[in-house]
Structure formats: structure tokens, C-alpha cells
């Protein structure tokens, strides 16, 4: 994600402008360049002026919002500042198992949901969920929009009105003509990002996200940070740990991505496409095991043939005029992220092949609301900017074509869709960086917790192993034979037990721990589904 060379002790010499103070020399520790020091001092003095959450619909009692100012460019801390939107619900101090016990506070728990491009403003609401009440009793739950996201100097690369393009094809083995069309679209999108944001575009990157996190820590009045990142949030959390190890109290890395600088981000995306094929197979095998319910076939291959029939039908006649093969693929991609989505996807496919498109349209049709389109366009713009800025990408499409044509022979489900999502990085107009070689040595960093599902597709398991190797003193907890992307506070009590022990007591297993998988989803009984479909009287 950015340029860097350093030792295990965290000394780093950045070669990018954003790491060097104007008129100065590089600092040995990149996070501690004078611009960061000044921004942290200001934030500590100013704090966060929390008040009403006027921009959130129907915020609950106790939820408060504010902003934290950060430099757009840490090399020029007296230059342009941008405001990060922050939300918080204070610790309840109520023990959910003993109403007479007052739980002592442990400061702020800051969360990032990943993306890049996802908003964290709604995170404090998680304290109302049973699995999170003990954590919410001890911690102020803090969410925020990272730079570029939502309310935090939002990025845009195209008119949101044109963002949802549907119905659209989704060829698993695209023709040369289709590839030329997508290259032209990628070039136009990269131009749009540069034209709409200008020179500021280069400053939307993971290193600055890590620096912003330290400014937020100071604004919240915390000497040391307690942080939980999911998915991409684990990457810039790891950057933070390498840059500011003495500022870390506790850190949870949930669904850790591979931080190896050689994989940021082109090779990480190749690995992700391969992993989605395995998870797509898991979903189809589950559907086949429940053929009594869905009637899509008793083997994975039979279910695949049904899916391919749906692709062909939608290519000939889009459902509701809005759902084509690309929208179908987007809806079923969610099955690779969470098995909670398996019943609804199986039901939609089954119904569609029997002549009822309504469940599929409800899942897959692009939203008509302008606000939803604007949010999706913003999230995509931030995702693209951060990933393209963070590291080198092949600039010759022939490299992409070679690598992904080969991969699509064995992993056709997501490979080319992943290419089209990331292809603007081949034509990116902002300066490219060299990723930081995240490492911490013995004693540099407090013990940290890494959570991973063994069959996670969006963050393949080898990423968690690599994160564990690079963060000395970390402990890895694995949910075996499971693939949900992000397992903290989910349905697995073993995982949650390790999470609570760490956040509430600082206690970790002595070594790598394993949890049995959570229960597979259960399809609704046919009689129940029939009853649910009847109109209310």
C-alpha cells in the first residue's frame, strides 16, 4: 500500500512524498513523521466535540457523533485538513449476567469494517446484540468513516446516477471484444477518479488510514489504542501496529488479509479469486444436500447446471428488466462471504427456475434509491483509490489477461469479475507506492489476537498465517472447516469466548487455538416456506 523498507524493529525509510515532511528528511519511523506528531498533538488538545447524530436516521438514545480533523497530506500538516466523521456509544457498565455488578470501563474500542470503502459509523449499535453486550459494558464503542468514505471528505469517480449498470453480462471466459470493452471502461473510470479528485487522490491510501487512526486515538483521549479491524481493516491495523507499536493496547484482526508486500494488492486478488471457487463449491454442495427442499439436484454439478441455466435465461430476458447474469453473479457472490446467505440464494434460484423471478429480483436487482447508488459509488471509489495507490499493479493488460485466463480455467466463478473491479489500477494516474513490509520484533508490540475461518474466500487463510508470522507475539484462533468472512461476535461461542477473554481480560491462549465450526444454516421446511408465502389475513 505504500512505499517502504524497514527492519523488524520498525525503522522505515519511505520513498513516497506523503511520508516526507515538506522541506525535511525522512524519519526513521514513518508513522512518526513531524506531520503526524503535530496532528496528534492538535487532536489531543481539541478532542471530539460529540453531539447529536443528525446525519444518521433515527439514532438510538446514547449514540453521539462528532468529527476529527486530520491533514490531507501529513507532509504538509498546516495545509488542507479533512474531517473524519466519528460515532460513539458510551460503555453501559452493566453486566448482562449480573445487574448488581458495575463493569469498570476500559476506554474506547475503535472498529473498522474493511473495504476499503466501508463505513463504520453504525458499529456502536452492535452493543445491543447479545454477543456484544459484555464488550459494550466495558468499552465505549467507536465507529468512524475513514478518509474518503461517507461523511469524511467523500471520494467520487463517476456520476452516481450511472454507477449501477444493468442488466449486464458476466462471461466466465470473455471474448476479446468484451475484454476491449472492459479495458476502455477501466481507463475511463481511472480518468474520472483523477478528474474529480485532482492531486488529492494520492493521499487516499492505507498508510494515511493508519496515521488517521493514531490521530483519532489522541482525539478520544486514549494513551493507547484498542482496535478491531475486519478484512481490509486488518491490513491498515497491521500497518498501525508496525508504525506505532508503543501506542497499541489491544488489537483484534478479524479475517486477516495477507500483508506480504509482494501480494499488495494484485496477487492478493488472484488468491481471492481462487478461494472463492472453493467456497462456491461449498455452497453448491450444501444446496445438493438439501435437494428435498430446493429441487436443484443432488450433486454440486447438478446445482451448477441449474445456475448456468439461470445465466442463460437472464441473458436472453433479464428479470424485471434489471437482473442479468452480472446481477445474478453479484448476488451469489455473497454466498462466498457468509453461509447465512445460503438459504435465500438457494430459494431464489429454485424459484426462478420454476418460473417465479420475484425472490431473485429482490436479492439481485440494483436499488432504485439515489442514496443507495451514491453510497455504492462512493464505496467503490474509495476501494479503487486505496488499492490502486497502495502498491504497484501491472500496467499492461496482457499480464492481467495471461494470469486470469489461466486462473479462470480452474476458478471461473469470480476471476473475471474481480479483474473488472480492479482493472482501473492498470491505468491509474496517481503516483504508485511500494507497500510497507509489516513486521514487529519480540517485545515491540503487546500480544494481539488474529481470528480466521479456515475456508474464508474473501480473506484466504494463508493471509492469517502470514499475519501471525509477521506480528511477533500474536495468537491465531482458527474456526476450522468454516468460511464466513469475519467471525468475531458471530454464532461460534468458542470464537467469542477467545474474543471476550482478550478484550475484557487481556487473556490469550498460550498458542494457536482451534474452534469447531459453527452449525451450518438450515433451510426452511417446505411447509414453513409455503406458510410464509401466504398473504396475511
Protein backbone atom coordinates (compact mmCIF):
# COMPACT_ATOMS: atom_id res chain seq x y z
CA UNK A 1 0.00 0.00 0.00
CA UNK A 2 2.76 2.43 0.21
CA UNK A 3 6.47 2.71 -0.18
CA UNK A 4 8.66 1.32 2.48
CA UNK A 5 11.72 -0.51 3.62
CA UNK A 6 12.32 -1.24 7.31
CA UNK A 7 13.75 -3.57 9.88
CA UNK A 8 11.97 -5.81 12.34
CA UNK A 9 12.37 -3.01 14.86
CA UNK A 10 10.06 -0.91 12.72
CA UNK A 11 12.64 1.53 11.35
CA UNK A 12 11.45 2.52 7.92
CA UNK A 13 12.59 4.79 5.14
CA UNK A 14 9.69 5.86 2.96
CA UNK A 15 10.32 6.88 -0.60
CA UNK A 16 6.96 8.47 -1.20
CA UNK A 17 6.27 12.17 -0.83
CA UNK A 18 3.48 11.52 1.66
CA UNK A 19 5.99 10.12 4.12
CA UNK A 20 8.45 13.01 3.97
CA UNK A 21 7.79 16.40 5.59
CA UNK A 22 7.98 19.28 3.16
CA UNK A 23 11.48 20.67 3.24
CA UNK A 24 12.60 17.91 5.62
CA UNK A 25 14.14 14.47 5.65
CA UNK A 26 12.54 11.09 6.08
CA UNK A 27 12.01 9.99 9.64
CA UNK A 28 13.27 6.53 10.63
CA UNK A 29 9.79 5.59 11.86
CA UNK A 30 7.29 6.52 9.11
CA UNK A 31 4.33 6.90 11.38
CA UNK A 32 6.20 9.43 13.47
CA UNK A 33 6.97 11.99 10.78
CA UNK A 34 6.52 15.50 12.20
CA UNK A 35 3.20 15.90 10.42
CA UNK A 36 1.74 13.00 12.38
CA UNK A 37 3.20 14.27 15.64
CA UNK A 38 1.68 17.69 15.09
CA UNK A 39 -1.71 16.28 14.08
CA UNK A 40 -1.76 14.04 17.16
CA UNK A 41 -0.90 16.96 19.44
CA UNK A 42 -3.69 19.05 17.95
CA UNK A 43 -6.20 16.23 18.23
CA UNK A 44 -5.29 15.58 21.86
CA UNK A 45 -5.84 19.25 22.65
CA UNK A 46 -9.09 19.58 20.67
CA UNK A 47 -10.71 16.22 21.47
CA UNK A 48 -14.00 15.32 19.82
CA UNK A 49 -16.98 17.61 20.29
CA UNK A 50 -19.61 14.89 20.38
CA UNK A 51 -23.24 15.85 19.84
CA UNK A 52 -26.36 14.69 18.04
CA UNK A 53 -26.04 12.30 15.10
CA UNK A 54 -28.02 14.49 12.74
CA UNK A 55 -26.94 12.62 9.62
CA UNK A 56 -27.95 9.16 10.86
CA UNK A 57 -31.60 8.14 10.53
CA UNK A 58 -33.22 7.54 13.92
CA UNK A 59 -30.05 7.18 16.00
CA UNK A 60 -30.73 5.41 19.31
CA UNK A 61 -30.55 7.13 22.65
CA UNK A 62 -26.97 7.44 23.80
CA UNK A 63 -25.42 7.49 20.34
CA UNK A 64 -23.38 10.62 19.70
CA UNK A 65 -21.41 11.88 16.72
CA UNK A 66 -18.60 14.31 16.04
CA UNK A 67 -15.63 14.95 13.77
CA UNK A 68 -11.85 14.74 13.99
CA UNK A 69 -9.64 16.87 11.75
CA UNK A 70 -6.66 15.24 10.02
CA UNK A 71 -4.21 16.60 7.43
CA UNK A 72 -4.96 15.61 3.88
CA UNK A 73 -1.19 15.36 3.42
CA UNK A 74 0.85 14.52 6.52
CA UNK A 75 3.90 16.02 4.79
CA UNK A 76 2.08 19.37 4.99
CA UNK A 77 0.25 19.32 8.32
CA UNK A 78 -0.55 23.04 8.13
CA UNK A 79 -2.19 22.61 4.74
CA UNK A 80 -5.64 21.36 3.90
CA UNK A 81 -7.46 19.43 6.63
CA UNK A 82 -10.30 16.98 6.18
CA UNK A 83 -12.86 15.99 8.79
CA UNK A 84 -13.48 12.36 9.73
CA UNK A 85 -16.99 11.57 10.95
CA UNK A 86 -16.98 9.65 14.25
CA UNK A 87 -19.76 7.93 16.23
CA UNK A 88 -19.83 6.59 19.77
CA UNK A 89 -21.98 4.87 22.35
CA UNK A 90 -20.56 5.03 25.85
CA UNK A 91 -19.89 1.88 27.87
CA UNK A 92 -23.05 0.79 29.67
CA UNK A 93 -21.12 -0.56 32.71
CA UNK A 94 -23.99 -3.06 33.07
CA UNK A 95 -23.10 -6.70 33.42
CA UNK A 96 -25.65 -8.60 31.26
CA UNK A 97 -25.40 -11.58 33.63
CA UNK A 98 -25.46 -9.70 36.95
CA UNK A 99 -27.46 -6.48 37.18
CA UNK A 100 -25.86 -5.62 40.54
CA UNK A 101 -22.33 -5.68 39.18
CA UNK A 102 -20.94 -2.43 37.73
CA UNK A 103 -18.45 -3.23 34.98
CA UNK A 104 -15.37 -0.98 35.07
CA UNK A 105 -14.65 0.95 31.89
CA UNK A 106 -11.68 0.12 29.67
CA UNK A 107 -11.73 3.14 27.36
CA UNK A 108 -12.60 3.16 23.68
CA UNK A 109 -12.82 0.23 21.28
CA UNK A 110 -12.40 1.56 17.74
CA UNK A 111 -13.63 -0.56 14.84
CA UNK A 112 -13.08 -0.59 11.09
CA UNK A 113 -15.21 -2.95 8.95
CA UNK A 114 -12.85 -3.12 5.98
CA UNK A 115 -13.48 -2.48 2.32
CA UNK A 116 -11.58 -0.35 1.72
CA UNK A 117 -14.56 1.94 1.45
CA UNK A 118 -16.88 0.63 4.17
CA UNK A 119 -18.42 2.96 6.75
CA UNK A 120 -18.04 2.17 10.42
CA UNK A 121 -20.47 4.77 11.74
CA UNK A 122 -23.08 2.18 12.67
CA UNK A 123 -20.67 -0.02 14.61
CA UNK A 124 -21.65 1.31 18.08
CA UNK A 125 -25.12 -0.19 17.59
CA UNK A 126 -23.58 -3.66 17.85
CA UNK A 127 -23.55 -3.27 21.63
CA UNK A 128 -27.26 -4.10 21.66
CA UNK A 129 -26.61 -7.62 20.27
CA UNK A 130 -26.35 -10.30 22.97
CA UNK A 131 -22.94 -11.50 21.79
CA UNK A 132 -21.54 -7.97 22.24
CA UNK A 133 -23.18 -6.80 25.46
CA UNK A 134 -20.26 -7.74 27.71
CA UNK A 135 -17.87 -5.85 25.46
CA UNK A 136 -20.28 -2.91 25.27
CA UNK A 137 -20.44 -2.85 29.07
CA UNK A 138 -16.69 -2.29 29.33
CA UNK A 139 -15.89 -0.20 26.28
CA UNK A 140 -17.05 2.96 24.60
CA UNK A 141 -17.87 1.58 21.14
CA UNK A 142 -16.45 3.90 18.49
CA UNK A 143 -17.01 3.80 14.74
CA UNK A 144 -15.94 6.20 12.03
CA UNK A 145 -15.80 6.85 8.33
CA UNK A 146 -12.18 6.64 7.10
CA UNK A 147 -10.95 9.34 4.77
CA UNK A 148 -12.92 9.39 1.54
CA UNK A 149 -15.84 7.39 2.94
CA UNK A 150 -19.35 8.67 3.51
CA UNK A 151 -19.15 11.81 5.65
CA UNK A 152 -15.34 12.01 5.63
CA UNK A 153 -14.33 14.08 2.57
CA UNK A 154 -16.10 11.62 0.27
CA UNK A 155 -14.48 10.49 -2.95
CA UNK A 156 -16.33 10.05 -6.22
CA UNK A 157 -15.15 8.73 -9.57
CA UNK A 158 -18.33 8.91 -11.63
CA UNK A 159 -21.87 10.22 -11.53
CA UNK A 160 -23.73 8.02 -9.02
CA UNK A 161 -26.71 8.02 -11.36
CA UNK A 162 -24.72 5.91 -13.81
CA UNK A 163 -23.00 3.65 -11.29
CA UNK A 164 -25.41 0.72 -11.43
CA UNK A 165 -25.13 -0.67 -14.93
CA UNK A 166 -27.68 -3.34 -15.52
CA UNK A 167 -28.72 -5.72 -16.72
CA UNK A 168 -25.24 -6.78 -17.75
CA UNK A 169 -23.38 -9.88 -18.94
CA UNK A 170 -20.86 -11.79 -16.81
CA UNK A 171 -18.89 -14.10 -19.11
CA UNK A 172 -16.65 -16.56 -17.28
CA UNK A 173 -14.48 -16.82 -20.42
CA UNK A 174 -14.85 -13.39 -22.05
CA UNK A 175 -14.26 -12.74 -25.72
CA UNK A 176 -11.53 -10.42 -26.95
CA UNK A 177 -14.18 -7.88 -27.92
CA UNK A 178 -15.63 -7.93 -24.41
CA UNK A 179 -12.17 -7.53 -22.92
CA UNK A 180 -11.53 -4.48 -25.11
CA UNK A 181 -14.82 -3.01 -23.91
CA UNK A 182 -13.88 -3.51 -20.25
CA UNK A 183 -10.40 -2.06 -20.77
CA UNK A 184 -11.99 1.07 -22.22
CA UNK A 185 -14.33 1.30 -19.22
CA UNK A 186 -11.43 0.85 -16.79
CA UNK A 187 -9.48 3.64 -18.46
CA UNK A 188 -12.50 5.95 -18.31
CA UNK A 189 -13.06 5.14 -14.66
CA UNK A 190 -9.42 5.87 -13.76
CA UNK A 191 -9.67 9.19 -15.63
CA UNK A 192 -12.85 10.03 -13.74
CA UNK A 193 -11.16 9.44 -10.38
CA UNK A 194 -8.28 11.73 -11.35
CA UNK A 195 -10.52 14.44 -12.77
CA UNK A 196 -12.96 14.51 -9.86
CA UNK A 197 -10.33 14.49 -7.09
CA UNK A 198 -7.23 16.02 -8.66
CA UNK A 199 -3.88 15.96 -6.87
CA UNK A 200 -5.55 14.99 -3.58
CA UNK A 201 -6.19 11.50 -4.98
CA UNK A 202 -2.74 10.24 -3.99
CA UNK A 203 -3.44 10.84 -0.29
CA UNK A 204 -6.20 8.25 -0.04
CA UNK A 205 -4.13 5.24 0.94
CA UNK A 206 -3.63 2.74 3.74
CA UNK A 207 -0.62 4.41 5.32
CA UNK A 208 -2.65 7.59 5.80
CA UNK A 209 -5.52 5.49 7.15
CA UNK A 210 -3.13 4.15 9.79
CA UNK A 211 -1.93 7.66 10.61
CA UNK A 212 -5.51 8.90 10.84
CA UNK A 213 -6.16 6.12 13.33
CA UNK A 214 -3.46 7.49 15.61
CA UNK A 215 -4.96 10.97 15.38
CA UNK A 216 -8.36 9.51 16.29
CA UNK A 217 -6.79 7.71 19.25
CA UNK A 218 -5.42 11.00 20.55
CA UNK A 219 -8.70 12.85 19.97
CA UNK A 220 -10.53 10.22 22.03
CA UNK A 221 -8.11 10.85 24.89
CA UNK A 222 -6.57 7.38 24.77
CA UNK A 223 -2.88 6.92 25.52
CA UNK A 224 -3.01 3.51 23.86
CA UNK A 225 -5.38 2.18 21.22
CA UNK A 226 -7.78 -0.75 21.49
CA UNK A 227 -8.76 -1.56 17.91
CA UNK A 228 -10.59 -4.22 15.97
CA UNK A 229 -10.32 -4.38 12.21
CA UNK A 230 -12.14 -6.76 9.88
CA UNK A 231 -10.94 -7.80 6.43
CA UNK A 232 -9.09 -4.81 4.90
CA UNK A 233 -9.23 -3.21 8.36
CA UNK A 234 -6.72 -5.84 9.47
CA UNK A 235 -4.23 -4.57 6.91
CA UNK A 236 -4.07 -0.97 7.99
CA UNK A 237 -4.40 -2.16 11.58
CA UNK A 238 -1.20 -4.14 11.00
CA UNK A 239 0.37 -1.03 9.49
CA UNK A 240 -0.59 0.85 12.64
CA UNK A 241 0.95 -1.87 14.80
CA UNK A 242 4.22 -1.65 12.84
CA UNK A 243 4.31 2.16 12.84
CA UNK A 244 3.05 2.89 16.36
CA UNK A 245 3.71 -0.25 18.43
CA UNK A 246 4.02 1.68 21.70
CA UNK A 247 0.55 3.18 21.10
CA UNK A 248 -1.15 -0.24 21.00
CA UNK A 249 -3.13 -1.58 23.95
CA UNK A 250 -5.03 -4.44 22.31
CA UNK A 251 -5.73 -5.28 18.66
CA UNK A 252 -8.04 -7.82 17.07
CA UNK A 253 -7.52 -8.80 13.44
CA UNK A 254 -10.71 -10.50 12.18
CA UNK A 255 -10.48 -12.17 8.75
CA UNK A 256 -6.88 -11.11 8.29
CA UNK A 257 -5.66 -10.31 4.80
CA UNK A 258 -2.19 -11.29 3.66
CA UNK A 259 0.15 -8.34 4.39
CA UNK A 260 3.10 -9.67 2.38
CA UNK A 261 4.21 -6.62 0.36
CA UNK A 262 4.68 -8.80 -2.72
CA UNK A 263 0.93 -9.52 -2.66
CA UNK A 264 -0.48 -5.98 -2.21
CA UNK A 265 -2.89 -5.99 -3.98
CA UNK A 266 -2.64 -7.67 -7.37
CA UNK A 267 -1.58 -11.10 -6.10
CA UNK A 268 -3.94 -10.93 -3.12
CA UNK A 269 -6.79 -10.56 -5.59
CA UNK A 270 -5.62 -13.58 -7.60
CA UNK A 271 -5.60 -15.60 -4.38
CA UNK A 272 -9.05 -14.34 -3.51
CA UNK A 273 -10.49 -15.41 -6.87
CA UNK A 274 -9.09 -18.92 -6.41
CA UNK A 275 -10.52 -19.15 -2.89
CA UNK A 276 -13.99 -18.06 -3.99
CA UNK A 277 -14.14 -21.07 -6.28
CA UNK A 278 -13.75 -23.39 -3.30
CA UNK A 279 -16.38 -21.54 -1.32
CA UNK A 280 -18.74 -21.53 -4.29
CA UNK A 281 -18.34 -25.32 -4.30
CA UNK A 282 -19.15 -25.41 -0.55
CA UNK A 283 -22.41 -23.58 -1.23
CA UNK A 284 -23.42 -25.88 -4.07
CA UNK A 285 -22.69 -28.98 -2.01
CA UNK A 286 -24.91 -27.61 0.77
CA UNK A 287 -27.72 -26.97 -1.71
CA UNK A 288 -27.34 -30.50 -3.06
CA UNK A 289 -27.60 -31.93 0.45
CA UNK A 290 -30.93 -30.15 0.73
CA UNK A 291 -32.35 -31.23 -2.60
CA UNK A 292 -35.55 -32.23 -0.78
CA UNK A 293 -36.14 -28.53 -0.19
CA UNK A 294 -34.74 -26.79 -3.26
CA UNK A 295 -35.00 -29.44 -6.01
CA UNK A 296 -31.84 -28.16 -7.68
CA UNK A 297 -30.11 -31.53 -7.87
CA UNK A 298 -28.37 -33.96 -5.58
CA UNK A 299 -24.81 -33.11 -6.64
CA UNK A 300 -22.75 -29.97 -6.80
CA UNK A 301 -22.54 -30.30 -10.57
CA UNK A 302 -26.31 -30.53 -10.87
CA UNK A 303 -26.70 -27.32 -8.87
CA UNK A 304 -24.10 -25.67 -11.10
CA UNK A 305 -26.05 -26.67 -14.20
CA UNK A 306 -29.14 -25.05 -12.71
CA UNK A 307 -27.18 -21.86 -12.07
CA UNK A 308 -25.88 -21.88 -15.64
CA UNK A 309 -29.43 -22.32 -16.97
CA UNK A 310 -30.41 -19.25 -14.96
CA UNK A 311 -27.50 -17.33 -16.51
CA UNK A 312 -28.66 -18.28 -19.99
CA UNK A 313 -32.27 -17.33 -19.31
CA UNK A 314 -31.29 -13.97 -17.81
CA UNK A 315 -29.02 -13.20 -20.76
CA UNK A 316 -31.96 -13.77 -23.08
CA UNK A 317 -34.51 -11.94 -20.92
CA UNK A 318 -33.41 -10.02 -17.81
CA UNK A 319 -35.67 -10.49 -14.80
CA UNK A 320 -37.79 -7.39 -14.18
CA UNK A 321 -35.68 -5.71 -16.88
CA UNK A 322 -32.93 -5.20 -14.26
CA UNK A 323 -31.35 -8.54 -13.39
CA UNK A 324 -28.97 -10.06 -15.90
CA UNK A 325 -26.08 -12.52 -15.49
CA UNK A 326 -23.85 -9.93 -13.77
CA UNK A 327 -26.51 -9.16 -11.20
CA UNK A 328 -27.04 -12.89 -10.65
CA UNK A 329 -23.32 -13.38 -10.10
CA UNK A 330 -23.18 -10.43 -7.69
CA UNK A 331 -26.00 -11.84 -5.61
CA UNK A 332 -24.46 -15.31 -5.44
CA UNK A 333 -21.02 -13.92 -4.66
CA UNK A 334 -22.44 -13.13 -1.23
CA UNK A 335 -22.67 -16.87 -0.65
CA UNK A 336 -18.87 -16.82 -0.58
CA UNK A 337 -18.85 -14.27 2.23
CA UNK A 338 -21.37 -15.77 4.62
CA UNK A 339 -23.27 -19.02 4.83
CA UNK A 340 -26.13 -17.06 6.40
CA UNK A 341 -26.94 -16.06 2.81
CA UNK A 342 -27.12 -19.64 1.51
CA UNK A 343 -30.83 -20.33 2.13
CA UNK A 344 -32.01 -17.12 0.46
CA UNK A 345 -29.80 -17.69 -2.60
CA UNK A 346 -30.85 -21.31 -2.98
CA UNK A 347 -34.52 -20.35 -2.61
CA UNK A 348 -34.18 -17.57 -5.19
CA UNK A 349 -32.51 -19.84 -7.74
CA UNK A 350 -35.03 -22.59 -7.19
CA UNK A 351 -37.98 -20.23 -7.55
CA UNK A 352 -36.55 -18.57 -10.67
CA UNK A 353 -36.04 -21.87 -12.46
CA UNK A 354 -39.64 -22.78 -11.60
CA UNK A 355 -40.92 -19.57 -13.15
CA UNK A 356 -41.03 -17.16 -10.19
CA UNK A 357 -38.41 -14.38 -10.56
CA UNK A 358 -39.54 -12.30 -7.57
CA UNK A 359 -37.13 -13.72 -4.92
CA UNK A 360 -34.20 -13.32 -7.31
CA UNK A 361 -35.18 -9.77 -8.23
CA UNK A 362 -35.45 -8.90 -4.55
CA UNK A 363 -31.90 -10.16 -3.98
CA UNK A 364 -30.13 -9.06 -7.13
CA UNK A 365 -31.80 -6.01 -8.66
CA UNK A 366 -29.85 -2.75 -8.34
CA UNK A 367 -31.55 -0.41 -5.86
CA UNK A 368 -33.55 2.44 -7.32
CA UNK A 369 -32.93 4.85 -4.44
CA UNK A 370 -30.50 7.67 -5.23
CA UNK A 371 -28.97 7.47 -1.77
CA UNK A 372 -28.11 3.80 -2.22
CA UNK A 373 -26.49 4.50 -5.58
CA UNK A 374 -24.46 7.37 -4.12
CA UNK A 375 -23.26 5.22 -1.22
CA UNK A 376 -22.28 2.35 -3.52
CA UNK A 377 -20.46 4.66 -5.92
CA UNK A 378 -18.56 6.27 -3.03
CA UNK A 379 -17.57 2.89 -1.56
CA UNK A 380 -16.29 1.73 -4.95
CA UNK A 381 -14.34 4.96 -5.47
CA UNK A 382 -12.58 4.59 -2.11
CA UNK A 383 -11.90 0.90 -2.70
CA UNK A 384 -10.33 1.68 -6.06
CA UNK A 385 -8.31 4.67 -4.87
CA UNK A 386 -6.83 2.91 -1.86
CA UNK A 387 -5.99 -0.32 -3.66
CA UNK A 388 -4.53 1.47 -6.69
CA UNK A 389 -2.49 3.88 -4.57
CA UNK A 390 -1.20 1.24 -2.19
CA UNK A 391 1.13 -0.69 -4.44
CA UNK A 392 2.36 -1.48 -7.94
CA UNK A 393 0.00 -3.03 -10.47
CA UNK A 394 0.66 -4.47 -13.92
CA UNK A 395 0.17 -1.67 -16.44
CA UNK A 396 -0.02 -3.98 -19.45
CA UNK A 397 -3.40 -5.70 -19.85
CA UNK A 398 -1.64 -8.66 -21.43
CA UNK A 399 -0.31 -9.55 -17.96
CA UNK A 400 -3.82 -9.47 -16.48
CA UNK A 401 -5.15 -11.44 -19.44
CA UNK A 402 -2.46 -14.12 -19.14
CA UNK A 403 -2.76 -14.59 -15.38
CA UNK A 404 -6.53 -14.57 -15.22
CA UNK A 405 -7.17 -16.65 -18.33
CA UNK A 406 -5.03 -19.32 -16.71
CA UNK A 407 -6.79 -18.94 -13.35
CA UNK A 408 -10.28 -18.93 -14.87
CA UNK A 409 -9.71 -22.44 -16.25
CA UNK A 410 -9.86 -23.77 -12.68
CA UNK A 411 -11.69 -20.93 -10.89
CA UNK A 412 -14.21 -19.39 -13.29
CA UNK A 413 -16.80 -18.17 -10.78
CA UNK A 414 -15.23 -14.89 -9.61
CA UNK A 415 -11.99 -14.49 -11.57
CA UNK A 416 -13.02 -12.12 -14.34
CA UNK A 417 -15.45 -10.16 -12.18
CA UNK A 418 -12.52 -9.49 -9.84
CA UNK A 419 -10.44 -8.35 -12.80
CA UNK A 420 -13.01 -5.80 -13.93
CA UNK A 421 -13.32 -4.45 -10.38
CA UNK A 422 -9.58 -3.80 -10.10
CA UNK A 423 -8.59 -3.08 -13.70
CA UNK A 424 -8.65 0.74 -13.28
CA UNK A 425 -5.42 0.25 -11.29
CA UNK A 426 -3.65 -0.63 -14.55
CA UNK A 427 -4.35 2.88 -15.81
CA UNK A 428 -4.16 4.79 -12.54
CA UNK A 429 -2.96 8.39 -12.81
CA UNK A 430 -1.81 8.99 -9.22
CA UNK A 431 1.70 8.00 -8.05
CA UNK A 432 2.14 4.37 -7.11
CA UNK A 433 3.75 3.34 -3.84
CA UNK A 434 5.74 0.39 -2.56
CA UNK A 435 3.96 -1.47 0.25
CA UNK A 436 5.28 -1.43 3.79
CA UNK A 437 6.93 -4.69 4.90
CA UNK A 438 4.84 -5.13 8.05
CA UNK A 439 6.87 -6.76 10.82
CA UNK A 440 7.30 -6.42 14.56
CA UNK A 441 10.09 -7.89 16.63
CA UNK A 442 9.96 -9.58 20.04
CA UNK A 443 8.70 -7.25 22.74
CA UNK A 444 7.86 -4.39 20.39
CA UNK A 445 4.11 -4.97 20.35
CA UNK A 446 1.67 -6.13 23.04
CA UNK A 447 0.07 -9.51 22.34
CA UNK A 448 -2.58 -9.33 19.61
CA UNK A 449 -5.41 -11.63 18.52
CA UNK A 450 -5.96 -12.89 14.97
CA UNK A 451 -9.28 -14.57 14.09
CA UNK A 452 -9.73 -16.55 10.90
CA UNK A 453 -12.11 -19.01 9.28
CA UNK A 454 -10.23 -21.79 7.56
CA UNK A 455 -12.27 -21.61 4.32
CA UNK A 456 -12.71 -17.82 4.14
CA UNK A 457 -12.71 -16.82 0.47
CA UNK A 458 -12.51 -13.04 0.73
CA UNK A 459 -9.52 -13.31 3.09
CA UNK A 460 -7.93 -16.69 2.35
CA UNK A 461 -6.49 -18.49 5.36
CA UNK A 462 -2.87 -18.16 4.25
CA UNK A 463 -3.23 -14.44 4.96
CA UNK A 464 -3.95 -15.10 8.62
CA UNK A 465 -0.93 -17.40 8.84
CA UNK A 466 1.25 -14.72 7.27
CA UNK A 467 -0.11 -12.02 9.58
CA UNK A 468 0.63 -14.30 12.54
CA UNK A 469 4.22 -14.82 11.36
CA UNK A 470 4.81 -11.10 10.94
CA UNK A 471 3.32 -9.85 14.22
CA UNK A 472 5.54 -11.36 16.87
CA UNK A 473 3.58 -12.40 19.95
CA UNK A 474 0.25 -12.63 18.12
CA UNK A 475 -2.06 -15.59 18.69
CA UNK A 476 -4.18 -17.11 15.93
CA UNK A 477 -7.61 -18.56 16.65
CA UNK A 478 -8.98 -20.61 13.73
CA UNK A 479 -12.55 -21.66 13.09
CA UNK A 480 -11.97 -24.99 11.39
CA UNK A 481 -13.85 -26.05 8.26
CA UNK A 482 -15.84 -22.79 8.15
CA UNK A 483 -15.77 -19.94 5.66
CA UNK A 484 -17.69 -16.94 6.93
CA UNK A 485 -15.78 -13.73 6.28
CA UNK A 486 -15.45 -12.17 9.73
CA UNK A 487 -16.16 -14.36 12.74
CA UNK A 488 -15.88 -12.02 15.74
CA UNK A 489 -19.12 -11.83 17.70
CA UNK A 490 -20.82 -14.31 15.39
CA UNK A 491 -22.56 -17.63 16.08
CA UNK A 492 -19.50 -19.54 17.31
CA UNK A 493 -19.29 -19.44 21.15
CA UNK A 494 -15.74 -20.78 21.12
CA UNK A 495 -14.53 -17.89 18.96
CA UNK A 496 -16.49 -15.39 21.05
CA UNK A 497 -15.02 -16.79 24.23
CA UNK A 498 -11.49 -16.09 22.99
CA UNK A 499 -12.54 -12.62 21.80
CA UNK A 500 -14.11 -11.67 25.15
CA UNK A 501 -11.23 -13.11 27.18
CA UNK A 502 -8.81 -10.96 25.20
CA UNK A 503 -10.78 -7.71 25.08
CA UNK A 504 -12.05 -7.88 28.66
CA UNK A 505 -9.11 -9.50 30.43
CA UNK A 506 -6.16 -9.31 28.03
CA UNK A 507 -6.02 -13.10 28.16
CA UNK A 508 -4.96 -15.16 25.13
CA UNK A 509 -4.43 -18.87 24.51
CA UNK A 510 -0.85 -19.97 25.11
CA UNK A 511 -0.56 -20.97 21.47
CA UNK A 512 -2.56 -21.31 18.25
CA UNK A 513 -6.13 -22.32 19.17
CA UNK A 514 -8.80 -24.01 17.07
CA UNK A 515 -12.60 -23.91 17.31
CA UNK A 516 -15.01 -26.38 15.77
CA UNK A 517 -17.15 -24.84 13.01
CA UNK A 518 -20.43 -23.17 13.80
CA UNK A 519 -23.55 -25.00 12.71
CA UNK A 520 -24.43 -24.89 9.03
CA UNK A 521 -27.53 -22.89 8.11
CA UNK A 522 -30.77 -24.83 7.99
CA UNK A 523 -33.14 -24.39 5.07
CA UNK A 524 -36.70 -23.55 5.94
CA UNK A 525 -39.02 -26.53 5.96
CA UNK A 526 -41.14 -26.61 2.76
CA UNK A 527 -44.32 -26.33 4.81
CA UNK A 528 -42.89 -23.33 6.64
CA UNK A 529 -41.94 -21.68 3.37
CA UNK A 530 -45.42 -22.26 1.97
CA UNK A 531 -46.97 -20.77 5.09
CA UNK A 532 -44.65 -17.80 4.97
CA UNK A 533 -45.61 -17.15 1.36
CA UNK A 534 -49.35 -16.97 2.12
CA UNK A 535 -50.71 -13.41 2.34
CA UNK A 536 -51.64 -12.22 5.80
CA UNK A 537 -55.34 -12.26 6.61
